[in-house]
Amino acid sequence: MACGPSVPSVAPFCRYPHPYDRLRVSTCMWINKVAMMRCAALLALFAASVEGASADAA
């Protein structure tokens, strides 16, 4: 859930650039990729911490 807010904040920026404005489109795609990678990293850290906590409890 930590990565939910980052997606809407990026989406409006992607709608503004003209389709032929390659620089803005590529920048938008790069921002989306970074946001997705950060989201995946946060999810992986969260999963690892949950596994660690359950292992400690067991």
N, C-alpha and C. Protein backbone atom coordinates (compact mmCIF):
# COMPACT_ATOMS: atom_id res chain seq x y z
N MET A 1 0.83 -1.20 0.00
CA MET A 1 0.00 0.00 0.00
C MET A 1 0.87 1.26 0.00
N ALA A 2 2.13 1.12 0.40
CA ALA A 2 3.00 2.29 0.48
C ALA A 2 3.23 2.92 -0.88
N CYS A 3 3.13 2.11 -1.95
CA CYS A 3 3.43 2.66 -3.27
C CYS A 3 2.18 3.18 -3.97
N GLY A 4 1.00 3.04 -3.38
CA GLY A 4 -0.23 3.49 -4.02
C GLY A 4 -0.22 4.96 -4.41
N PRO A 5 0.13 5.87 -3.47
CA PRO A 5 0.04 7.30 -3.78
C PRO A 5 0.97 7.75 -4.91
N SER A 6 2.07 7.05 -5.14
CA SER A 6 3.03 7.53 -6.15
C SER A 6 2.46 7.40 -7.55
N VAL A 7 1.55 6.46 -7.78
CA VAL A 7 1.04 6.24 -9.13
C VAL A 7 0.15 7.39 -9.59
N PRO A 8 -0.86 7.82 -8.81
CA PRO A 8 -1.69 8.95 -9.26
C PRO A 8 -0.89 10.23 -9.45
N SER A 9 0.15 10.43 -8.65
CA SER A 9 0.93 11.67 -8.78
C SER A 9 1.70 11.70 -10.09
N VAL A 10 2.03 10.52 -10.62
CA VAL A 10 2.76 10.46 -11.88
C VAL A 10 1.81 10.51 -13.07
N ALA A 11 0.64 9.90 -12.93
CA ALA A 11 -0.29 9.77 -14.05
C ALA A 11 -0.68 11.11 -14.69
N PRO A 12 -1.06 12.15 -13.92
CA PRO A 12 -1.45 13.41 -14.58
C PRO A 12 -0.33 14.00 -15.42
N PHE A 13 0.91 13.86 -14.95
CA PHE A 13 2.05 14.39 -15.70
C PHE A 13 2.14 13.73 -17.06
N CYS A 14 1.73 12.46 -17.15
CA CYS A 14 1.84 11.72 -18.40
C CYS A 14 0.78 12.17 -19.40
N ARG A 15 -0.29 12.77 -18.95
CA ARG A 15 -1.36 13.14 -19.88
C ARG A 15 -1.05 14.46 -20.59
N TYR A 16 -0.27 15.32 -19.95
CA TYR A 16 -0.04 16.65 -20.52
C TYR A 16 0.82 16.66 -21.77
N PRO A 17 1.93 15.88 -21.83
CA PRO A 17 2.82 16.01 -22.99
C PRO A 17 2.13 15.67 -24.30
N HIS A 18 2.51 16.38 -25.33
CA HIS A 18 2.01 16.08 -26.67
C HIS A 18 2.57 14.73 -27.08
N PRO A 19 1.80 13.92 -27.81
CA PRO A 19 2.28 12.58 -28.18
C PRO A 19 3.61 12.60 -28.92
N TYR A 20 3.88 13.69 -29.64
CA TYR A 20 5.12 13.74 -30.43
C TYR A 20 6.26 14.38 -29.66
N ASP A 21 5.99 14.79 -28.41
CA ASP A 21 7.05 15.38 -27.60
C ASP A 21 7.82 14.22 -26.96
N ARG A 22 8.80 13.72 -27.69
CA ARG A 22 9.47 12.48 -27.26
C ARG A 22 10.21 12.65 -25.94
N LEU A 23 10.79 13.82 -25.72
CA LEU A 23 11.55 14.02 -24.50
C LEU A 23 10.63 13.87 -23.29
N ARG A 24 9.48 14.52 -23.34
CA ARG A 24 8.57 14.45 -22.20
C ARG A 24 8.00 13.04 -22.05
N VAL A 25 7.68 12.40 -23.17
CA VAL A 25 7.13 11.05 -23.10
C VAL A 25 8.15 10.09 -22.51
N SER A 26 9.40 10.18 -22.95
CA SER A 26 10.43 9.29 -22.42
C SER A 26 10.69 9.60 -20.95
N THR A 27 10.64 10.88 -20.59
CA THR A 27 10.81 11.25 -19.18
C THR A 27 9.68 10.67 -18.35
N CYS A 28 8.46 10.75 -18.87
CA CYS A 28 7.30 10.20 -18.16
C CYS A 28 7.47 8.70 -17.99
N MET A 29 7.91 8.01 -19.05
CA MET A 29 8.09 6.57 -18.96
C MET A 29 9.18 6.25 -17.94
N TRP A 30 10.25 7.06 -17.93
CA TRP A 30 11.34 6.82 -16.99
C TRP A 30 10.85 7.01 -15.56
N ILE A 31 10.06 8.06 -15.33
CA ILE A 31 9.52 8.31 -13.99
C ILE A 31 8.63 7.14 -13.57
N ASN A 32 7.79 6.65 -14.50
CA ASN A 32 6.93 5.52 -14.18
C ASN A 32 7.77 4.29 -13.83
N LYS A 33 8.84 4.06 -14.61
CA LYS A 33 9.69 2.89 -14.36
C LYS A 33 10.34 3.00 -12.99
N VAL A 34 10.85 4.20 -12.67
CA VAL A 34 11.49 4.40 -11.36
C VAL A 34 10.48 4.19 -10.24
N ALA A 35 9.27 4.72 -10.43
CA ALA A 35 8.24 4.57 -9.41
C ALA A 35 7.89 3.10 -9.21
N MET A 36 7.79 2.35 -10.31
CA MET A 36 7.47 0.93 -10.21
C MET A 36 8.60 0.17 -9.53
N MET A 37 9.85 0.52 -9.86
CA MET A 37 10.98 -0.17 -9.25
C MET A 37 11.04 0.15 -7.75
N ARG A 38 10.75 1.39 -7.40
CA ARG A 38 10.75 1.76 -5.98
C ARG A 38 9.63 1.03 -5.25
N CYS A 39 8.49 0.92 -5.89
CA CYS A 39 7.36 0.20 -5.31
C CYS A 39 7.73 -1.26 -5.09
N ALA A 40 8.36 -1.89 -6.11
CA ALA A 40 8.76 -3.29 -5.99
C ALA A 40 9.78 -3.45 -4.87
N ALA A 41 10.71 -2.50 -4.75
CA ALA A 41 11.72 -2.59 -3.70
C ALA A 41 11.07 -2.46 -2.32
N LEU A 42 10.10 -1.54 -2.20
CA LEU A 42 9.41 -1.39 -0.92
C LEU A 42 8.64 -2.66 -0.57
N LEU A 43 7.98 -3.24 -1.57
CA LEU A 43 7.24 -4.47 -1.32
C LEU A 43 8.19 -5.59 -0.90
N ALA A 44 9.36 -5.68 -1.55
CA ALA A 44 10.33 -6.72 -1.21
C ALA A 44 10.84 -6.52 0.22
N LEU A 45 11.14 -5.26 0.59
CA LEU A 45 11.60 -4.98 1.95
C LEU A 45 10.52 -5.32 2.96
N PHE A 46 9.28 -4.97 2.62
CA PHE A 46 8.16 -5.26 3.53
C PHE A 46 8.00 -6.76 3.70
N ALA A 47 8.05 -7.51 2.59
CA ALA A 47 7.92 -8.97 2.66
C ALA A 47 9.05 -9.57 3.49
N ALA A 48 10.27 -9.06 3.29
CA ALA A 48 11.42 -9.58 4.04
C ALA A 48 11.26 -9.29 5.53
N SER A 49 10.78 -8.10 5.86
CA SER A 49 10.62 -7.75 7.28
C SER A 49 9.51 -8.60 7.90
N VAL A 50 8.45 -8.88 7.14
CA VAL A 50 7.36 -9.72 7.65
C VAL A 50 7.89 -11.13 7.88
N GLU A 51 8.65 -11.65 6.92
CA GLU A 51 9.21 -13.00 7.08
C GLU A 51 10.15 -13.04 8.28
N GLY A 52 10.97 -12.01 8.43
CA GLY A 52 11.89 -11.96 9.55
C GLY A 52 11.14 -11.92 10.88
N ALA A 53 10.05 -11.14 10.93
CA ALA A 53 9.28 -11.03 12.17
C ALA A 53 8.62 -12.37 12.50
N SER A 54 8.08 -13.04 11.50
CA SER A 54 7.42 -14.32 11.76
C SER A 54 8.46 -15.37 12.17
N ALA A 55 9.67 -15.28 11.59
CA ALA A 55 10.72 -16.23 11.96
C ALA A 55 11.16 -15.98 13.40
N ASP A 56 11.22 -14.70 13.80
CA ASP A 56 11.61 -14.38 15.17
C ASP A 56 10.55 -14.88 16.15
N ALA A 57 9.29 -14.76 15.78
CA ALA A 57 8.20 -15.15 16.66
C ALA A 57 8.15 -16.67 16.81
N ALA A 58 8.54 -17.39 15.77
CA ALA A 58 8.43 -18.85 15.81
C ALA A 58 9.45 -19.50 16.73
